[in-house]
Amino acid sequence: MKTIDVIRSGSLSSIIGPAGTMKRIIKNSDYFKSRGYDINIFTHDSIKYNKSNVIPSQSLNESLRNRPIYKRILTKISKKARLKAKHNVILANFYLNRSDKKQQHLIKYYLSLKRNPDIVVLHSEAEAYWFLHLNKGKLPKIVTFLHSDGTGSMTLSYFPCIKGRKGERHLKKMLLDASAGTDKLVFISKKARFRFMADHPDYPLNKIGLAVNGIEDFSDEEKKIISSIESRYEQFKYRLCCVGTINRRKGQWRILEVLRRLEKEKLNEIHVSFIGDGPQKEELQELVSNCGIDRNVTFEGAIDNFEIFKYLSEHNIFILMSDNEGLPISIIEAMRAGLPIISTNVAGIPETVDNNGILLELDHEMLYVLLNNLDKYDWGKMGILSRQKFENEFLFSRMAKEYCDIMDSLF
């Protein structure tokens, strides 16, 4: 039995895709052991509870509600400052430095345990960079997953003001050092792998791996729950749902900018639910109120990964207008629920959307035209094709096999 230690910055109570994948790995530990791998996951929860594989008993919303009031106030201030950091170099560098400190804290904690695994898995170039720089002992085999489009530009999309400056050079150095020091660089989409190879033609092909995202199918209990759910938005013909952190990159603002332009007759047919929290949430809530489209938009808040299926079942179309991605778990969850997809032609998204939905460029006008012509498409048929595509290509069992095959290739 070989030991794999996974280091992932953040908390497993988070609703982001990688946290959900970590929980699936823990849940399916028997399969990985059958393949000869004992996997231990270390997150910031591990520091708090002093052990690996900790899934907090509280949901993200519960833990936020139970925080002292001064911390909640600071979080609110930080969200507003983070929005300004998009155009403020000083603030952008502050958040980049804070992220580095957070990752260093986790890696220093992990190294203090003096473990001796066969493999260490990191889930970003930043984590890999700091692991390589802080580890003064013998290095194990290192696997680095990149949850991006293969260019290292995802962080830059949050802070475009650092382009051409010290901050961008630091990000590029982290990617170069991490890719050079890792034994296997793994991508979660084919397009991300292709883009990296195009940008780095001399990088050894035998060091590149691919493990496309996947999730488990519904359990019998979940199917019973779905069959009993009645949509709160049944009065709307088109019930759209968007899942993701509410920020500029995920593009919820694009949907609202188009929604506010629709004629009342068309608007009466459409409702959009946003699942998630993030720095732009209050701004968008204010926009909805000012535009008088409160009836058409609901902000559901942060929902646990394994509860999202209940909300998806209330809707009949999934929409995600991101400008930068890896390969979104949220789209795969929507496909599992049999929803047709409206999304953008960026990064790994086209690998999930063909005849099961509509791909758009990052163009407000294209989305405006689509929402004005929803009646021209067979959304029911596209939903059936989404479900079929999920079953054929995006099951967690396939991803788990690819995961273990990558580890096998190291020995």
Protein backbone atom coordinates (compact mmCIF):
# COMPACT_ATOMS: atom_id res chain seq x y z
CA MET A 1 0.00 0.00 0.00
CA LYS A 2 1.41 3.36 -1.04
CA THR A 3 0.59 6.54 0.84
CA ILE A 4 -0.68 9.65 -0.93
CA ASP A 5 -0.85 12.94 0.96
CA VAL A 6 -3.04 15.58 -0.69
CA ILE A 7 -2.47 19.20 0.32
CA ARG A 8 -5.30 21.55 -0.60
CA SER A 9 -5.53 25.13 0.68
CA GLY A 10 -8.92 26.13 2.10
CA SER A 11 -11.70 24.23 3.84
CA LEU A 12 -13.69 21.17 2.83
CA SER A 13 -16.81 23.10 3.87
CA SER A 14 -16.26 25.31 0.81
CA ILE A 15 -18.70 24.84 -2.07
CA ILE A 16 -16.07 25.20 -4.81
CA GLY A 17 -15.46 22.27 -7.18
CA PRO A 18 -12.05 21.08 -5.86
CA ALA A 19 -13.45 20.82 -2.30
CA GLY A 20 -16.25 18.62 -3.62
CA THR A 21 -13.68 16.42 -5.38
CA MET A 22 -11.70 16.05 -2.14
CA LYS A 23 -14.85 14.93 -0.32
CA ARG A 24 -15.58 12.40 -3.06
CA ILE A 25 -12.08 10.97 -2.69
CA ILE A 26 -12.63 10.53 1.06
CA LYS A 27 -16.07 9.01 0.47
CA ASN A 28 -14.64 6.51 -2.05
CA SER A 29 -11.51 5.61 -0.08
CA ASP A 30 -12.22 1.87 -0.45
CA TYR A 31 -11.74 2.07 -4.22
CA PHE A 32 -8.41 3.85 -3.89
CA LYS A 33 -7.24 1.30 -1.31
CA SER A 34 -8.24 -1.48 -3.70
CA ARG A 35 -5.84 0.12 -6.18
CA GLY A 36 -3.10 0.22 -3.53
CA TYR A 37 -3.36 3.85 -2.38
CA ASP A 38 -4.10 5.17 1.08
CA ILE A 39 -5.08 8.82 0.57
CA ASN A 40 -4.84 11.43 3.32
CA ILE A 41 -6.12 14.95 2.68
CA PHE A 42 -4.69 17.97 4.52
CA THR A 43 -6.55 21.29 4.38
CA HIS A 44 -6.82 24.24 6.74
CA ASP A 45 -9.42 22.12 8.58
CA SER A 46 -6.56 19.75 9.43
CA ILE A 47 -4.75 22.53 11.31
CA LYS A 48 -7.87 23.23 13.37
CA TYR A 49 -8.64 19.59 14.19
CA ASN A 50 -5.04 18.26 14.02
CA LYS A 51 -5.85 15.34 11.72
CA SER A 52 -6.32 14.57 8.03
CA ASN A 53 -9.51 13.82 6.08
CA VAL A 54 -11.57 16.21 8.22
CA ILE A 55 -14.92 17.26 6.78
CA PRO A 56 -16.33 19.97 9.07
CA SER A 57 -19.68 19.05 10.59
CA GLN A 58 -20.92 22.60 10.03
CA SER A 59 -21.87 23.85 6.61
CA LEU A 60 -20.13 26.92 5.26
CA ASN A 61 -23.19 29.05 6.04
CA GLU A 62 -23.38 27.76 9.61
CA SER A 63 -19.70 28.40 10.27
CA LEU A 64 -20.03 31.94 8.88
CA ARG A 65 -23.08 32.63 11.05
CA ASN A 66 -21.24 31.38 14.15
CA ARG A 67 -18.23 33.63 13.62
CA PRO A 68 -17.77 36.55 16.05
CA ILE A 69 -19.45 39.73 14.83
CA TYR A 70 -16.14 41.55 14.38
CA LYS A 71 -14.94 38.82 12.00
CA ARG A 72 -18.15 39.06 10.01
CA ILE A 73 -17.67 42.82 9.69
CA LEU A 74 -14.06 42.32 8.58
CA THR A 75 -15.19 39.75 6.00
CA LYS A 76 -17.74 42.21 4.62
CA ILE A 77 -15.10 44.92 4.34
CA SER A 78 -12.68 42.49 2.71
CA LYS A 79 -15.24 41.53 0.04
CA LYS A 80 -15.67 45.16 -0.95
CA ALA A 81 -11.91 45.75 -0.96
CA ARG A 82 -11.38 42.68 -3.13
CA LEU A 83 -13.66 44.16 -5.77
CA LYS A 84 -11.57 47.33 -5.79
CA ALA A 85 -8.40 45.23 -6.07
CA LYS A 86 -9.34 44.53 -9.69
CA HIS A 87 -8.09 48.04 -10.51
CA ASN A 88 -5.85 48.84 -7.52
CA VAL A 89 -2.30 47.43 -7.63
CA ILE A 90 -1.67 47.92 -3.90
CA LEU A 91 -4.84 46.04 -2.96
CA ALA A 92 -4.16 43.35 -5.57
CA ASN A 93 -0.67 42.75 -4.19
CA PHE A 94 -2.13 42.61 -0.67
CA TYR A 95 -4.52 39.80 -1.67
CA LEU A 96 -1.81 37.95 -3.59
CA ASN A 97 0.47 38.14 -0.57
CA ARG A 98 -2.32 37.04 1.75
CA SER A 99 -2.99 34.02 -0.45
CA ASP A 100 0.72 33.12 -0.39
CA LYS A 101 0.80 33.40 3.41
CA LYS A 102 -2.25 31.18 3.74
CA GLN A 103 -0.70 28.48 1.57
CA GLN A 104 2.63 28.73 3.38
CA HIS A 105 0.84 28.32 6.71
CA LEU A 106 -0.77 25.05 5.61
CA ILE A 107 2.41 23.67 4.04
CA LYS A 108 4.51 24.56 7.10
CA TYR A 109 1.95 22.77 9.26
CA TYR A 110 2.08 19.71 7.00
CA LEU A 111 5.89 19.63 6.99
CA SER A 112 5.91 19.88 10.80
CA LEU A 113 4.16 16.49 10.90
CA LYS A 114 7.32 14.93 9.38
CA ARG A 115 5.34 12.46 7.32
CA ASN A 116 6.99 10.21 4.77
CA PRO A 117 4.46 9.60 1.97
CA ASP A 118 5.20 8.00 -1.37
CA ILE A 119 3.38 10.80 -3.22
CA VAL A 120 2.34 14.35 -2.40
CA VAL A 121 -0.49 15.81 -4.47
CA LEU A 122 -0.89 19.59 -4.76
CA HIS A 123 -3.89 21.28 -6.35
CA SER A 124 -2.44 24.51 -7.74
CA GLU A 125 0.84 25.85 -9.04
CA ALA A 126 1.03 28.10 -5.95
CA GLU A 127 0.76 25.16 -3.53
CA ALA A 128 3.38 23.23 -5.50
CA TYR A 129 5.69 26.26 -5.61
CA TRP A 130 5.61 26.77 -1.84
CA PHE A 131 5.90 23.05 -1.10
CA LEU A 132 9.05 22.87 -3.21
CA HIS A 133 10.52 26.01 -1.62
CA LEU A 134 9.69 25.18 2.00
CA ASN A 135 10.58 21.48 1.97
CA LYS A 136 14.21 21.12 3.06
CA GLY A 137 14.18 17.34 3.28
CA LYS A 138 13.98 14.52 0.76
CA LEU A 139 11.22 15.11 -1.76
CA PRO A 140 8.58 12.44 -2.40
CA LYS A 141 7.01 11.95 -5.81
CA ILE A 142 5.06 15.14 -6.56
CA VAL A 143 1.83 15.42 -8.56
CA THR A 144 0.40 18.86 -9.31
CA PHE A 145 -3.15 19.36 -10.55
CA LEU A 146 -3.92 22.58 -12.42
CA HIS A 147 -7.58 23.62 -12.16
CA SER A 148 -7.21 26.34 -14.78
CA ASP A 149 -7.19 26.85 -18.53
CA GLY A 150 -3.53 25.85 -18.73
CA THR A 151 -2.15 29.39 -18.97
CA GLY A 152 -1.93 30.38 -15.33
CA SER A 153 -4.19 33.34 -16.09
CA MET A 154 -7.07 32.59 -13.70
CA THR A 155 -5.62 34.67 -10.84
CA LEU A 156 -4.81 37.40 -13.33
CA SER A 157 -8.50 37.56 -14.27
CA TYR A 158 -9.25 38.62 -10.68
CA PHE A 159 -6.50 41.25 -10.62
CA PRO A 160 -5.92 42.51 -14.20
CA CYS A 161 -4.17 45.62 -12.85
CA ILE A 162 -1.03 43.57 -12.08
CA LYS A 163 -0.52 42.62 -15.74
CA GLY A 164 3.04 43.50 -16.77
CA ARG A 165 3.98 44.16 -13.15
CA LYS A 166 5.74 42.34 -10.33
CA GLY A 167 2.57 40.45 -9.37
CA GLU A 168 2.20 38.88 -12.79
CA ARG A 169 5.90 37.97 -12.88
CA HIS A 170 5.48 36.24 -9.52
CA LEU A 171 2.52 34.21 -10.85
CA LYS A 172 4.51 33.15 -13.91
CA LYS A 173 7.49 32.15 -11.76
CA MET A 174 5.25 30.00 -9.57
CA LEU A 175 3.89 28.17 -12.62
CA LEU A 176 7.35 27.63 -14.13
CA ASP A 177 8.95 26.48 -10.87
CA ALA A 178 6.02 24.24 -9.98
CA SER A 179 5.91 22.58 -13.40
CA ALA A 180 9.68 22.07 -13.38
CA GLY A 181 9.72 20.52 -9.90
CA THR A 182 6.71 18.23 -10.23
CA ASP A 183 6.90 14.61 -11.39
CA LYS A 184 3.45 14.77 -12.99
CA LEU A 185 1.54 17.85 -14.09
CA VAL A 186 -2.13 16.92 -14.36
CA PHE A 187 -4.86 18.84 -16.17
CA ILE A 188 -8.62 18.53 -15.66
CA SER A 189 -9.53 19.34 -19.27
CA LYS A 190 -8.08 18.40 -22.65
CA LYS A 191 -8.02 22.02 -23.79
CA ALA A 192 -5.99 23.13 -20.76
CA ARG A 193 -3.47 20.39 -21.45
CA PHE A 194 -3.25 21.40 -25.11
CA ARG A 195 -2.74 25.09 -24.28
CA PHE A 196 0.01 24.33 -21.79
CA MET A 197 1.79 22.09 -24.30
CA ALA A 198 1.52 24.81 -26.97
CA ASP A 199 2.98 27.41 -24.59
CA HIS A 200 5.70 25.04 -23.33
CA PRO A 201 6.71 22.87 -26.32
CA ASP A 202 9.88 21.64 -24.59
CA TYR A 203 8.06 20.31 -21.52
CA PRO A 204 8.46 16.49 -21.28
CA LEU A 205 5.33 14.75 -22.51
CA ASN A 206 5.78 11.90 -20.03
CA LYS A 207 5.30 14.39 -17.19
CA ILE A 208 1.85 15.49 -18.41
CA GLY A 209 -1.31 13.77 -17.23
CA LEU A 210 -5.06 14.16 -17.72
CA ALA A 211 -7.85 13.44 -15.21
CA VAL A 212 -11.05 15.04 -16.45
CA ASN A 213 -13.48 16.03 -13.69
CA GLY A 214 -16.24 13.60 -12.76
CA ILE A 215 -18.91 13.11 -10.09
CA GLU A 216 -20.91 10.17 -8.79
CA ASP A 217 -24.42 9.47 -10.04
CA PHE A 218 -27.51 9.98 -7.89
CA SER A 219 -28.11 7.48 -5.14
CA ASP A 220 -31.54 5.82 -4.79
CA GLU A 221 -32.24 8.10 -1.81
CA GLU A 222 -31.35 11.21 -3.84
CA LYS A 223 -33.63 10.05 -6.65
CA LYS A 224 -36.51 9.78 -4.16
CA ILE A 225 -35.80 13.30 -2.89
CA ILE A 226 -35.75 14.67 -6.44
CA SER A 227 -39.07 13.03 -7.30
CA SER A 228 -40.72 14.74 -4.32
CA ILE A 229 -39.42 18.27 -4.97
CA GLU A 230 -41.81 20.86 -6.36
CA SER A 231 -40.28 23.90 -7.99
CA ARG A 232 -40.83 27.24 -6.25
CA TYR A 233 -40.65 28.86 -9.69
CA GLU A 234 -43.23 26.81 -11.58
CA GLN A 235 -44.98 29.99 -12.79
CA PHE A 236 -41.98 30.70 -15.02
CA LYS A 237 -41.63 28.83 -18.31
CA TYR A 238 -37.84 29.11 -18.26
CA ARG A 239 -36.22 28.48 -14.89
CA LEU A 240 -32.48 29.13 -15.18
CA CYS A 241 -29.96 28.20 -12.51
CA CYS A 242 -26.34 29.36 -12.10
CA VAL A 243 -23.95 27.79 -9.58
CA GLY A 244 -20.62 29.34 -8.62
CA THR A 245 -18.77 31.89 -6.53
CA ILE A 246 -20.38 35.26 -7.23
CA ASN A 247 -17.57 37.26 -8.77
CA ARG A 248 -16.59 38.88 -12.06
CA ARG A 249 -14.93 35.74 -13.44
CA LYS A 250 -18.06 33.59 -13.11
CA GLY A 251 -20.09 36.14 -15.06
CA GLN A 252 -23.33 36.41 -13.07
CA TRP A 253 -23.22 40.14 -13.78
CA ARG A 254 -23.42 39.42 -17.52
CA ILE A 255 -26.68 37.55 -17.05
CA LEU A 256 -28.21 40.42 -15.06
CA GLU A 257 -27.05 43.06 -17.54
CA VAL A 258 -28.92 41.19 -20.27
CA LEU A 259 -31.94 40.35 -18.12
CA ARG A 260 -32.55 44.03 -17.32
CA ARG A 261 -32.77 44.79 -21.07
CA LEU A 262 -35.53 42.28 -21.85
CA GLU A 263 -39.04 43.41 -22.65
CA LYS A 264 -41.60 42.77 -19.90
CA GLU A 265 -43.43 40.13 -21.95
CA LYS A 266 -40.27 38.04 -22.32
CA LEU A 267 -39.12 38.77 -18.77
CA ASN A 268 -42.37 37.31 -17.41
CA GLU A 269 -41.26 33.89 -18.72
CA ILE A 270 -37.79 33.85 -17.12
CA HIS A 271 -36.47 33.33 -13.62
CA VAL A 272 -32.78 33.00 -12.69
CA SER A 273 -31.47 31.51 -9.42
CA PHE A 274 -27.89 32.17 -8.32
CA ILE A 275 -26.39 29.60 -5.97
CA GLY A 276 -23.23 30.73 -4.21
CA ASP A 277 -21.67 33.58 -2.32
CA GLY A 278 -18.81 35.90 -3.13
CA PRO A 279 -17.43 39.43 -3.24
CA GLN A 280 -19.85 40.66 -5.91
CA LYS A 281 -23.06 39.36 -4.34
CA GLU A 282 -24.15 42.57 -2.59
CA GLU A 283 -23.40 44.65 -5.67
CA LEU A 284 -25.53 42.37 -7.84
CA GLN A 285 -28.36 42.25 -5.30
CA GLU A 286 -28.44 46.04 -5.41
CA LEU A 287 -28.46 45.97 -9.21
CA VAL A 288 -31.44 43.58 -9.20
CA SER A 289 -33.34 45.84 -6.79
CA ASN A 290 -32.56 49.03 -8.73
CA CYS A 291 -33.63 47.45 -12.03
CA GLY A 292 -36.91 46.17 -10.59
CA ILE A 293 -36.27 42.54 -11.52
CA ASP A 294 -36.53 41.15 -7.96
CA ARG A 295 -39.34 38.83 -9.07
CA ASN A 296 -37.10 37.30 -11.73
CA VAL A 297 -33.94 36.74 -9.68
CA THR A 298 -33.23 34.80 -6.48
CA PHE A 299 -29.92 34.64 -4.61
CA GLU A 300 -29.96 31.26 -2.84
CA GLY A 301 -26.68 31.77 -0.96
CA ALA A 302 -23.90 29.23 -0.37
CA ILE A 303 -25.16 25.65 -0.59
CA ASP A 304 -23.18 22.53 0.34
CA ASN A 305 -21.85 20.56 -2.66
CA PHE A 306 -23.98 17.53 -1.90
CA GLU A 307 -27.18 19.58 -1.49
CA ILE A 308 -27.02 21.46 -4.79
CA PHE A 309 -28.88 18.70 -6.67
CA LYS A 310 -32.07 19.66 -4.80
CA TYR A 311 -31.90 23.20 -6.16
CA LEU A 312 -31.01 22.09 -9.68
CA SER A 313 -34.14 19.91 -9.72
CA GLU A 314 -36.29 23.06 -9.45
CA HIS A 315 -34.94 24.41 -12.74
CA ASN A 316 -34.97 23.43 -16.41
CA ILE A 317 -31.89 25.24 -17.84
CA PHE A 318 -28.40 25.73 -16.44
CA ILE A 319 -26.41 28.86 -17.27
CA LEU A 320 -22.77 29.79 -16.58
CA MET A 321 -21.22 32.82 -18.28
CA SER A 322 -17.61 32.51 -17.05
CA ASP A 323 -14.72 34.24 -18.78
CA ASN A 324 -12.09 31.82 -17.38
CA GLU A 325 -12.41 28.23 -16.16
CA GLY A 326 -10.80 24.84 -15.84
CA LEU A 327 -13.64 22.35 -16.33
CA PRO A 328 -16.56 23.35 -14.08
CA ILE A 329 -18.00 20.75 -11.72
CA SER A 330 -21.17 22.87 -11.70
CA ILE A 331 -21.85 22.07 -15.37
CA ILE A 332 -21.30 18.36 -14.73
CA GLU A 333 -23.78 18.51 -11.83
CA ALA A 334 -26.30 20.16 -14.15
CA MET A 335 -25.75 17.48 -16.79
CA ARG A 336 -26.32 14.79 -14.15
CA ALA A 337 -29.63 16.51 -13.34
CA GLY A 338 -30.60 16.39 -17.03
CA LEU A 339 -30.44 20.12 -17.63
CA PRO A 340 -29.53 21.70 -20.97
CA ILE A 341 -26.53 24.06 -20.73
CA ILE A 342 -25.99 27.67 -21.75
CA SER A 343 -22.35 28.62 -21.30
CA THR A 344 -19.29 30.30 -22.78
CA ASN A 345 -16.82 28.97 -25.31
CA VAL A 346 -13.82 29.16 -22.97
CA ALA A 347 -11.30 26.71 -21.47
CA GLY A 348 -12.70 23.20 -20.87
CA ILE A 349 -16.38 24.16 -21.11
CA PRO A 350 -16.73 23.06 -24.79
CA GLU A 351 -15.78 19.54 -23.64
CA THR A 352 -19.06 19.43 -21.69
CA VAL A 353 -21.35 21.20 -24.17
CA ASP A 354 -22.13 20.14 -27.73
CA ASN A 355 -25.66 19.15 -28.78
CA ASN A 356 -26.79 19.27 -25.14
CA GLY A 357 -26.73 23.06 -24.98
CA ILE A 358 -25.63 26.38 -26.45
CA LEU A 359 -22.12 27.82 -26.38
CA LEU A 360 -21.74 31.60 -26.59
CA GLU A 361 -18.81 33.93 -26.99
CA LEU A 362 -18.18 36.54 -24.29
CA ASP A 363 -20.66 38.85 -25.95
CA HIS A 364 -23.66 40.41 -24.21
CA GLU A 365 -25.52 40.68 -27.50
CA MET A 366 -25.33 36.93 -28.17
CA LEU A 367 -26.88 36.20 -24.77
CA TYR A 368 -29.52 38.88 -25.33
CA VAL A 369 -30.53 37.33 -28.65
CA LEU A 370 -30.63 33.85 -27.10
CA LEU A 371 -32.84 34.86 -24.16
CA ASN A 372 -35.19 36.61 -26.59
CA ASN A 373 -35.46 33.42 -28.65
CA LEU A 374 -35.65 30.65 -26.04
CA ASP A 375 -38.79 29.27 -27.71
CA LYS A 376 -36.81 28.36 -30.83
CA TYR A 377 -34.83 25.60 -29.08
CA ASP A 378 -35.78 22.11 -27.93
CA TRP A 379 -34.52 22.40 -24.35
CA GLY A 380 -36.16 19.13 -23.33
CA LYS A 381 -34.20 17.16 -25.92
CA MET A 382 -30.97 18.94 -24.98
CA GLY A 383 -31.59 18.01 -21.35
CA ILE A 384 -31.88 14.33 -22.29
CA LEU A 385 -28.61 14.59 -24.22
CA SER A 386 -26.96 16.25 -21.19
CA ARG A 387 -27.89 13.30 -19.02
CA GLN A 388 -26.56 10.85 -21.63
CA LYS A 389 -23.30 12.77 -21.94
CA PHE A 390 -22.87 12.71 -18.17
CA GLU A 391 -23.38 8.95 -18.02
CA ASN A 392 -20.95 8.33 -20.89
CA GLU A 393 -18.14 10.72 -20.00
CA PHE A 394 -18.30 12.30 -16.54
CA LEU A 395 -18.81 9.64 -13.88
CA PHE A 396 -16.51 9.79 -10.85
CA SER A 397 -15.63 6.10 -11.33
CA ARG A 398 -13.89 7.05 -14.59
CA MET A 399 -12.08 9.95 -12.93
CA ALA A 400 -10.98 7.78 -9.98
CA LYS A 401 -9.50 5.24 -12.39
CA GLU A 402 -7.61 7.95 -14.28
CA TYR A 403 -6.40 9.33 -10.93
CA CYS A 404 -4.95 5.98 -9.90
CA ASP A 405 -3.52 5.32 -13.37
CA ILE A 406 -1.57 8.58 -13.06
CA MET A 407 -0.19 7.49 -9.69
CA ASP A 408 0.74 4.08 -11.13
CA SER A 409 2.74 5.81 -13.88
CA LEU A 410 5.09 7.28 -11.28
CA PHE A 411 6.54 3.89 -10.32
